[in-house]
Amino acid sequence: MRVLEDELGCTVQTRIIDAAAFVPQHRERIFIVGFRQETRFDFSKLEIEEPAKRATLGDILHPENGAGPEEPPFTIGDKGEVPIGIL
């Protein structure tokens, strides 16, 4: 913040947004915006539209029975197997 404001002469605004509405975990993110010139942008008034349904772990994991679609390079074949060497 000191570098942005004092050394670079930016007007800086910050906002902390909890990603829990978008991913199945409580994880706060810090967003920092800086402007060298005057602007009417106001981070505190920016509306962030959250999804109607919060994500669950089941929304992002592949089904254990392999019923999910193949997603190369993360899974291969009709059983959703993890390819050797990807880890």
PDB file of N, CA and C in Angstrom:
ATOM      1  N   MET A   1       0.835  -1.180   0.000  1.00  0.00           N
ATOM      2  CA  MET A   1       0.000   0.000   0.000  1.00  0.00           C
ATOM      3  C   MET A   1       0.882   1.247   0.000  1.00  0.00           C
ATOM      4  N   ARG A   2       1.939   1.200   0.799  1.00  0.00           N
ATOM      5  CA  ARG A   2       2.824   2.366   0.870  1.00  0.00           C
ATOM      6  C   ARG A   2       3.442   2.650  -0.489  1.00  0.00           C
ATOM      7  N   VAL A   3       3.910   1.606  -1.156  1.00  0.00           N
ATOM      8  CA  VAL A   3       4.540   1.777  -2.472  1.00  0.00           C
ATOM      9  C   VAL A   3       3.519   2.319  -3.469  1.00  0.00           C
ATOM     10  N   LEU A   4       2.346   1.716  -3.488  1.00  0.00           N
ATOM     11  CA  LEU A   4       1.322   2.168  -4.426  1.00  0.00           C
ATOM     12  C   LEU A   4       0.937   3.625  -4.197  1.00  0.00           C
ATOM     13  N   GLU A   5       0.737   3.982  -2.950  1.00  0.00           N
ATOM     14  CA  GLU A   5       0.280   5.337  -2.649  1.00  0.00           C
ATOM     15  C   GLU A   5       1.415   6.351  -2.652  1.00  0.00           C
ATOM     16  N   ASP A   6       2.463   6.084  -1.889  1.00  0.00           N
ATOM     17  CA  ASP A   6       3.524   7.084  -1.697  1.00  0.00           C
ATOM     18  C   ASP A   6       4.526   7.138  -2.850  1.00  0.00           C
ATOM     19  N   GLU A   7       4.952   5.981  -3.324  1.00  0.00           N
ATOM     20  CA  GLU A   7       5.984   5.970  -4.348  1.00  0.00           C
ATOM     21  C   GLU A   7       5.421   6.083  -5.766  1.00  0.00           C
ATOM     22  N   LEU A   8       4.253   5.466  -6.001  1.00  0.00           N
ATOM     23  CA  LEU A   8       3.680   5.500  -7.342  1.00  0.00           C
ATOM     24  C   LEU A   8       2.582   6.538  -7.506  1.00  0.00           C
ATOM     25  N   GLY A   9       2.155   7.112  -6.408  1.00  0.00           N
ATOM     26  CA  GLY A   9       1.149   8.175  -6.463  1.00  0.00           C
ATOM     27  C   GLY A   9      -0.245   7.720  -6.829  1.00  0.00           C
ATOM     28  N   CYS A  10      -0.572   6.476  -6.535  1.00  0.00           N
ATOM     29  CA  CYS A  10      -1.893   5.947  -6.878  1.00  0.00           C
ATOM     30  C   CYS A  10      -2.904   6.221  -5.762  1.00  0.00           C
ATOM     31  N   THR A  11      -4.151   6.334  -6.165  1.00  0.00           N
ATOM     32  CA  THR A  11      -5.255   6.304  -5.220  1.00  0.00           C
ATOM     33  C   THR A  11      -5.648   4.836  -5.124  1.00  0.00           C
ATOM     34  N   VAL A  12      -5.633   4.279  -3.924  1.00  0.00           N
ATOM     35  CA  VAL A  12      -5.804   2.838  -3.754  1.00  0.00           C
ATOM     36  C   VAL A  12      -7.073   2.541  -2.972  1.00  0.00           C
ATOM     37  N   GLN A  13      -7.794   1.514  -3.431  1.00  0.00           N
ATOM     38  CA  GLN A  13      -8.971   1.023  -2.722  1.00  0.00           C
ATOM     39  C   GLN A  13      -8.810  -0.482  -2.547  1.00  0.00           C
ATOM     40  N   THR A  14      -9.324  -1.000  -1.453  1.00  0.00           N
ATOM     41  CA  THR A  14      -9.239  -2.436  -1.192  1.00  0.00           C
ATOM     42  C   THR A  14     -10.616  -2.976  -0.844  1.00  0.00           C
ATOM     43  N   ARG A  15     -10.754  -4.269  -1.043  1.00  0.00           N
ATOM     44  CA  ARG A  15     -12.000  -4.926  -0.663  1.00  0.00           C
ATOM     45  C   ARG A  15     -11.693  -6.393  -0.386  1.00  0.00           C
ATOM     46  N   ILE A  16     -12.267  -6.917   0.668  1.00  0.00           N
ATOM     47  CA  ILE A  16     -12.131  -8.332   1.004  1.00  0.00           C
ATOM     48  C   ILE A  16     -13.433  -9.023   0.602  1.00  0.00           C
ATOM     49  N   ILE A  17     -13.291 -10.074  -0.200  1.00  0.00           N
ATOM     50  CA  ILE A  17     -14.464 -10.813  -0.677  1.00  0.00           C
ATOM     51  C   ILE A  17     -14.288 -12.274  -0.290  1.00  0.00           C
ATOM     52  N   ASP A  18     -15.310 -12.820   0.366  1.00  0.00           N
ATOM     53  CA  ASP A  18     -15.284 -14.229   0.751  1.00  0.00           C
ATOM     54  C   ASP A  18     -15.711 -15.066  -0.447  1.00  0.00           C
ATOM     55  N   ALA A  19     -14.876 -15.981  -0.861  1.00  0.00           N
ATOM     56  CA  ALA A  19     -15.143 -16.806  -2.043  1.00  0.00           C
ATOM     57  C   ALA A  19     -16.140 -17.925  -1.767  1.00  0.00           C
ATOM     58  N   ALA A  20     -16.662 -18.022  -0.555  1.00  0.00           N
ATOM     59  CA  ALA A  20     -17.562 -19.127  -0.198  1.00  0.00           C
ATOM     60  C   ALA A  20     -18.801 -19.193  -1.083  1.00  0.00           C
ATOM     61  N   ALA A  21     -19.196 -18.088  -1.672  1.00  0.00           N
ATOM     62  CA  ALA A  21     -20.362 -18.109  -2.552  1.00  0.00           C
ATOM     63  C   ALA A  21     -20.035 -18.750  -3.900  1.00  0.00           C
ATOM     64  N   PHE A  22     -18.761 -18.830  -4.234  1.00  0.00           N
ATOM     65  CA  PHE A  22     -18.350 -19.298  -5.556  1.00  0.00           C
ATOM     66  C   PHE A  22     -17.640 -20.649  -5.541  1.00  0.00           C
ATOM     67  N   VAL A  23     -16.988 -20.994  -4.446  1.00  0.00           N
ATOM     68  CA  VAL A  23     -16.296 -22.274  -4.293  1.00  0.00           C
ATOM     69  C   VAL A  23     -16.665 -22.863  -2.931  1.00  0.00           C
ATOM     70  N   PRO A  24     -16.592 -24.184  -2.777  1.00  0.00           N
ATOM     71  CA  PRO A  24     -17.036 -24.807  -1.525  1.00  0.00           C
ATOM     72  C   PRO A  24     -16.012 -24.696  -0.394  1.00  0.00           C
ATOM     73  N   GLN A  25     -15.577 -23.494  -0.099  1.00  0.00           N
ATOM     74  CA  GLN A  25     -14.677 -23.287   1.024  1.00  0.00           C
ATOM     75  C   GLN A  25     -14.716 -21.811   1.424  1.00  0.00           C
ATOM     76  N   HIS A  26     -14.512 -21.582   2.701  1.00  0.00           N
ATOM     77  CA  HIS A  26     -14.436 -20.212   3.194  1.00  0.00           C
ATOM     78  C   HIS A  26     -13.018 -19.718   2.930  1.00  0.00           C
ATOM     79  N   ARG A  27     -12.880 -18.819   1.988  1.00  0.00           N
ATOM     80  CA  ARG A  27     -11.555 -18.311   1.665  1.00  0.00           C
ATOM     81  C   ARG A  27     -11.704 -16.844   1.282  1.00  0.00           C
ATOM     82  N   GLU A  28     -11.219 -15.982   2.137  1.00  0.00           N
ATOM     83  CA  GLU A  28     -11.295 -14.553   1.852  1.00  0.00           C
ATOM     84  C   GLU A  28     -10.178 -14.150   0.897  1.00  0.00           C
ATOM     85  N   ARG A  29     -10.531 -13.321  -0.064  1.00  0.00           N
ATOM     86  CA  ARG A  29      -9.579 -12.804  -1.040  1.00  0.00           C
ATOM     87  C   ARG A  29      -9.491 -11.297  -0.870  1.00  0.00           C
ATOM     88  N   ILE A  30      -8.305 -10.773  -0.991  1.00  0.00           N
ATOM     89  CA  ILE A  30      -8.104  -9.331  -0.908  1.00  0.00           C
ATOM     90  C   ILE A  30      -7.907  -8.805  -2.320  1.00  0.00           C
ATOM     91  N   PHE A  31      -8.739  -7.873  -2.716  1.00  0.00           N
ATOM     92  CA  PHE A  31      -8.622  -7.235  -4.020  1.00  0.00           C
ATOM     93  C   PHE A  31      -8.141  -5.809  -3.810  1.00  0.00           C
ATOM     94  N   ILE A  32      -7.131  -5.427  -4.560  1.00  0.00           N
ATOM     95  CA  ILE A  32      -6.545  -4.096  -4.461  1.00  0.00           C
ATOM     96  C   ILE A  32      -6.587  -3.465  -5.842  1.00  0.00           C
ATOM     97  N   VAL A  33      -7.163  -2.278  -5.931  1.00  0.00           N
ATOM     98  CA  VAL A  33      -7.163  -1.539  -7.188  1.00  0.00           C
ATOM     99  C   VAL A  33      -6.502  -0.198  -6.949  1.00  0.00           C
ATOM    100  N   GLY A  34      -5.742   0.234  -7.917  1.00  0.00           N
ATOM    101  CA  GLY A  34      -5.069   1.518  -7.802  1.00  0.00           C
ATOM    102  C   GLY A  34      -5.187   2.290  -9.101  1.00  0.00           C
ATOM    103  N   PHE A  35      -5.340   3.595  -8.971  1.00  0.00           N
ATOM    104  CA  PHE A  35      -5.477   4.464 -10.129  1.00  0.00           C
ATOM    105  C   PHE A  35      -4.494   5.610 -10.014  1.00  0.00           C
ATOM    106  N   ARG A  36      -3.830   5.910 -11.098  1.00  0.00           N
ATOM    107  CA  ARG A  36      -2.908   7.048 -11.114  1.00  0.00           C
ATOM    108  C   ARG A  36      -3.640   8.353 -11.353  1.00  0.00           C
ATOM    109  N   GLN A  37      -4.794   8.283 -12.003  1.00  0.00           N
ATOM    110  CA  GLN A  37      -5.578   9.478 -12.285  1.00  0.00           C
ATOM    111  C   GLN A  37      -6.892   9.419 -11.524  1.00  0.00           C
ATOM    112  N   GLU A  38      -7.528  10.579 -11.355  1.00  0.00           N
ATOM    113  CA  GLU A  38      -8.821  10.635 -10.687  1.00  0.00           C
ATOM    114  C   GLU A  38      -9.826   9.771 -11.440  1.00  0.00           C
ATOM    115  N   THR A  39     -10.662   9.097 -10.685  1.00  0.00           N
ATOM    116  CA  THR A  39     -11.709   8.263 -11.274  1.00  0.00           C
ATOM    117  C   THR A  39     -12.914   8.272 -10.346  1.00  0.00           C
ATOM    118  N   ARG A  40     -14.064   7.954 -10.904  1.00  0.00           N
ATOM    119  CA  ARG A  40     -15.278   7.885 -10.084  1.00  0.00           C
ATOM    120  C   ARG A  40     -15.506   6.486  -9.536  1.00  0.00           C
ATOM    121  N   PHE A  41     -14.596   5.571  -9.830  1.00  0.00           N
ATOM    122  CA  PHE A  41     -14.726   4.193  -9.363  1.00  0.00           C
ATOM    123  C   PHE A  41     -14.750   4.160  -7.843  1.00  0.00           C
ATOM    124  N   ASP A  42     -15.690   3.408  -7.282  1.00  0.00           N
ATOM    125  CA  ASP A  42     -15.793   3.246  -5.834  1.00  0.00           C
ATOM    126  C   ASP A  42     -16.006   1.765  -5.535  1.00  0.00           C
ATOM    127  N   PHE A  43     -14.946   1.112  -5.089  1.00  0.00           N
ATOM    128  CA  PHE A  43     -14.987  -0.325  -4.820  1.00  0.00           C
ATOM    129  C   PHE A  43     -16.078  -0.679  -3.811  1.00  0.00           C
ATOM    130  N   SER A  44     -16.309   0.177  -2.837  1.00  0.00           N
ATOM    131  CA  SER A  44     -17.298  -0.138  -1.799  1.00  0.00           C
ATOM    132  C   SER A  44     -18.721  -0.161  -2.357  1.00  0.00           C
ATOM    133  N   LYS A  45     -18.966   0.490  -3.486  1.00  0.00           N
ATOM    134  CA  LYS A  45     -20.303   0.510  -4.081  1.00  0.00           C
ATOM    135  C   LYS A  45     -20.476  -0.514  -5.193  1.00  0.00           C
ATOM    136  N   LEU A  46     -19.415  -1.227  -5.529  1.00  0.00           N
ATOM    137  CA  LEU A  46     -19.485  -2.223  -6.591  1.00  0.00           C
ATOM    138  C   LEU A  46     -20.288  -3.425  -6.113  1.00  0.00           C
ATOM    139  N   GLU A  47     -21.359  -3.729  -6.818  1.00  0.00           N
ATOM    140  CA  GLU A  47     -22.201  -4.872  -6.474  1.00  0.00           C
ATOM    141  C   GLU A  47     -21.587  -6.139  -7.056  1.00  0.00           C
ATOM    142  N   ILE A  48     -21.408  -7.151  -6.235  1.00  0.00           N
ATOM    143  CA  ILE A  48     -20.893  -8.432  -6.697  1.00  0.00           C
ATOM    144  C   ILE A  48     -22.029  -9.429  -6.597  1.00  0.00           C
ATOM    145  N   GLU A  49     -22.458  -9.898  -7.772  1.00  0.00           N
ATOM    146  CA  GLU A  49     -23.596 -10.802  -7.829  1.00  0.00           C
ATOM    147  C   GLU A  49     -23.164 -12.216  -7.460  1.00  0.00           C
ATOM    148  N   GLU A  50     -23.742 -12.726  -6.414  1.00  0.00           N
ATOM    149  CA  GLU A  50     -23.435 -14.079  -5.980  1.00  0.00           C
ATOM    150  C   GLU A  50     -24.393 -15.055  -6.645  1.00  0.00           C
ATOM    151  N   PRO A  51     -23.931 -16.269  -6.922  1.00  0.00           N
ATOM    152  CA  PRO A  51     -24.809 -17.268  -7.540  1.00  0.00           C
ATOM    153  C   PRO A  51     -26.004 -17.576  -6.646  1.00  0.00           C
ATOM    154  N   ALA A  52     -27.112 -17.968  -7.270  1.00  0.00           N
ATOM    155  CA  ALA A  52     -28.325 -18.294  -6.512  1.00  0.00           C
ATOM    156  C   ALA A  52     -28.082 -19.489  -5.591  1.00  0.00           C
ATOM    157  N   LYS A  53     -27.243 -20.427  -6.040  1.00  0.00           N
ATOM    158  CA  LYS A  53     -26.939 -21.622  -5.248  1.00  0.00           C
ATOM    159  C   LYS A  53     -25.451 -21.624  -4.914  1.00  0.00           C
ATOM    160  N   ARG A  54     -25.159 -21.790  -3.659  1.00  0.00           N
ATOM    161  CA  ARG A  54     -23.759 -21.873  -3.237  1.00  0.00           C
ATOM    162  C   ARG A  54     -23.149 -23.195  -3.690  1.00  0.00           C
ATOM    163  N   ALA A  55     -21.904 -23.162  -4.089  1.00  0.00           N
ATOM    164  CA  ALA A  55     -21.211 -24.365  -4.543  1.00  0.00           C
ATOM    165  C   ALA A  55     -20.982 -25.321  -3.373  1.00  0.00           C
ATOM    166  N   THR A  56     -21.092 -26.615  -3.672  1.00  0.00           N
ATOM    167  CA  THR A  56     -20.788 -27.650  -2.685  1.00  0.00           C
ATOM    168  C   THR A  56     -19.622 -28.470  -3.208  1.00  0.00           C
ATOM    169  N   LEU A  57     -19.028 -29.255  -2.350  1.00  0.00           N
ATOM    170  CA  LEU A  57     -17.909 -30.096  -2.760  1.00  0.00           C
ATOM    171  C   LEU A  57     -18.330 -31.055  -3.871  1.00  0.00           C
ATOM    172  N   GLY A  58     -19.544 -31.553  -3.807  1.00  0.00           N
ATOM    173  CA  GLY A  58     -20.053 -32.460  -4.831  1.00  0.00           C
ATOM    174  C   GLY A  58     -20.150 -31.810  -6.207  1.00  0.00           C
ATOM    175  N   ASP A  59     -20.262 -30.483  -6.234  1.00  0.00           N
ATOM    176  CA  ASP A  59     -20.338 -29.768  -7.513  1.00  0.00           C
ATOM    177  C   ASP A  59     -19.017 -29.789  -8.270  1.00  0.00           C
ATOM    178  N   ILE A  60     -17.909 -29.949  -7.561  1.00  0.00           N
ATOM    179  CA  ILE A  60     -16.606 -29.854  -8.228  1.00  0.00           C
ATOM    180  C   ILE A  60     -15.847 -31.174  -8.316  1.00  0.00           C
ATOM    181  N   LEU A  61     -16.264 -32.184  -7.551  1.00  0.00           N
ATOM    182  CA  LEU A  61     -15.576 -33.478  -7.590  1.00  0.00           C
ATOM    183  C   LEU A  61     -16.166 -34.383  -8.668  1.00  0.00           C
ATOM    184  N   HIS A  62     -15.326 -35.209  -9.245  1.00  0.00           N
ATOM    185  CA  HIS A  62     -15.806 -36.198 -10.204  1.00  0.00           C
ATOM    186  C   HIS A  62     -16.494 -37.322  -9.446  1.00  0.00           C
ATOM    187  N   PRO A  63     -17.575 -37.879  -9.996  1.00  0.00           N
ATOM    188  CA  PRO A  63     -18.231 -39.001  -9.321  1.00  0.00           C
ATOM    189  C   PRO A  63     -17.278 -40.194  -9.223  1.00  0.00           C
ATOM    190  N   GLU A  64     -17.334 -40.878  -8.103  1.00  0.00           N
ATOM    191  CA  GLU A  64     -16.439 -42.013  -7.884  1.00  0.00           C
ATOM    192  C   GLU A  64     -16.712 -43.163  -8.838  1.00  0.00           C
ATOM    193  N   ASN A  65     -17.927 -43.247  -9.354  1.00  0.00           N
ATOM    194  CA  ASN A  65     -18.255 -44.365 -10.246  1.00  0.00           C
ATOM    195  C   ASN A  65     -17.843 -44.092 -11.694  1.00  0.00           C
ATOM    196  N   GLY A  66     -17.207 -42.963 -11.959  1.00  0.00           N
ATOM    197  CA  GLY A  66     -16.745 -42.646 -13.308  1.00  0.00           C
ATOM    198  C   GLY A  66     -17.841 -42.168 -14.238  1.00  0.00           C
ATOM    199  N   ALA A  67     -19.001 -41.817 -13.695  1.00  0.00           N
ATOM    200  CA  ALA A  67     -20.134 -41.416 -14.525  1.00  0.00           C
ATOM    201  C   ALA A  67     -19.962 -40.027 -15.131  1.00  0.00           C
ATOM    202  N   GLY A  68     -19.042 -39.261 -14.613  1.00  0.00           N
ATOM    203  CA  GLY A  68     -18.846 -37.910 -15.128  1.00  0.00           C
ATOM    204  C   GLY A  68     -18.138 -37.901 -16.470  1.00  0.00           C
ATOM    205  N   PRO A  69     -18.200 -36.778 -17.183  1.00  0.00           N
ATOM    206  CA  PRO A  69     -17.540 -36.701 -18.477  1.00  0.00           C
ATOM    207  C   PRO A  69     -16.024 -36.693 -18.341  1.00  0.00           C
ATOM    208  N   GLU A  70     -15.362 -37.187 -19.379  1.00  0.00           N
ATOM    209  CA  GLU A  70     -13.905 -37.175 -19.416  1.00  0.00           C
ATOM    210  C   GLU A  70     -13.430 -35.722 -19.490  1.00  0.00           C
ATOM    211  N   GLU A  71     -12.401 -35.381 -18.712  1.00  0.00           N
ATOM    212  CA  GLU A  71     -11.853 -34.031 -18.710  1.00  0.00           C
ATOM    213  C   GLU A  71     -10.335 -34.083 -18.836  1.00  0.00           C
ATOM    214  N   PRO A  72      -9.839 -34.322 -20.036  1.00  0.00           N
ATOM    215  CA  PRO A  72      -8.384 -34.349 -20.221  1.00  0.00           C
ATOM    216  C   PRO A  72      -7.781 -32.994 -19.864  1.00  0.00           C
ATOM    217  N   PRO A  73      -6.639 -32.912 -19.266  1.00  0.00           N
ATOM    218  CA  PRO A  73      -5.742 -33.996 -18.909  1.00  0.00           C
ATOM    219  C   PRO A  73      -5.988 -34.528 -17.499  1.00  0.00           C
ATOM    220  N   PHE A  74      -7.060 -34.105 -16.837  1.00  0.00           N
ATOM    221  CA  PHE A  74      -7.277 -34.467 -15.440  1.00  0.00           C
ATOM    222  C   PHE A  74      -7.855 -35.859 -15.271  1.00  0.00           C
ATOM    223  N   THR A  75      -8.754 -36.254 -16.162  1.00  0.00           N
ATOM    224  CA  THR A  75      -9.287 -37.614 -16.136  1.00  0.00           C
ATOM    225  C   THR A  75      -9.299 -38.147 -17.564  1.00  0.00           C
ATOM    226  N   ILE A  76      -9.236 -39.471 -17.666  1.00  0.00           N
ATOM    227  CA  ILE A  76      -9.264 -40.104 -18.988  1.00  0.00           C
ATOM    228  C   ILE A  76     -10.211 -41.291 -18.965  1.00  0.00           C
ATOM    229  N   GLY A  77     -10.770 -41.614 -20.115  1.00  0.00           N
ATOM    230  CA  GLY A  77     -11.606 -42.809 -20.252  1.00  0.00           C
ATOM    231  C   GLY A  77     -12.983 -42.659 -19.638  1.00  0.00           C
ATOM    232  N   ASP A  78     -13.817 -43.675 -19.905  1.00  0.00           N
ATOM    233  CA  ASP A  78     -15.202 -43.619 -19.441  1.00  0.00           C
ATOM    234  C   ASP A  78     -15.345 -43.896 -17.945  1.00  0.00           C
ATOM    235  N   LYS A  79     -14.254 -44.246 -17.273  1.00  0.00           N
ATOM    236  CA  LYS A  79     -14.292 -44.467 -15.822  1.00  0.00           C
ATOM    237  C   LYS A  79     -13.741 -43.268 -15.058  1.00  0.00           C
ATOM    238  N   GLY A  80     -13.394 -42.205 -15.750  1.00  0.00           N
ATOM    239  CA  GLY A  80     -12.874 -41.012 -15.082  1.00  0.00           C
ATOM    240  C   GLY A  80     -11.566 -41.248 -14.354  1.00  0.00           C
ATOM    241  N   GLU A  81     -10.710 -42.101 -14.906  1.00  0.00           N
ATOM    242  CA  GLU A  81      -9.457 -42.428 -14.241  1.00  0.00           C
ATOM    243  C   GLU A  81      -8.481 -41.260 -14.330  1.00  0.00           C
ATOM    244  N   VAL A  82      -7.679 -41.124 -13.279  1.00  0.00           N
ATOM    245  CA  VAL A  82      -6.636 -40.095 -13.248  1.00  0.00           C
ATOM    246  C   VAL A  82      -5.422 -40.666 -13.950  1.00  0.00           C
ATOM    247  N   PRO A  83      -4.911 -39.963 -14.985  1.00  0.00           N
ATOM    248  CA  PRO A  83      -3.747 -40.496 -15.696  1.00  0.00           C
ATOM    249  C   PRO A  83      -2.498 -40.526 -14.828  1.00  0.00           C
ATOM    250  N   ILE A  84      -1.674 -41.533 -15.049  1.00  0.00           N
ATOM    251  CA  ILE A  84      -0.400 -41.684 -14.322  1.00  0.00           C
ATOM    252  C   ILE A  84       0.501 -40.513 -14.683  1.00  0.00           C
ATOM    253  N   GLY A  85       1.170 -39.952 -13.700  1.00  0.00           N
ATOM    254  CA  GLY A  85       2.133 -38.892 -13.947  1.00  0.00           C
ATOM    255  C   GLY A  85       1.561 -37.489 -13.889  1.00  0.00           C
ATOM    256  N   ILE A  86       0.253 -37.358 -13.690  1.00  0.00           N
ATOM    257  CA  ILE A  86      -0.316 -36.004 -13.625  1.00  0.00           C
ATOM    258  C   ILE A  86      -0.016 -35.355 -12.281  1.00  0.00           C
ATOM    259  N   LEU A  87       0.201 -36.158 -11.266  1.00  0.00           N
ATOM    260  CA  LEU A  87       0.466 -35.589  -9.949  1.00  0.00           C
ATOM    261  C   LEU A  87       1.886 -35.303  -9.855  1.00  0.00           C
TER     262      LEU A  87
END
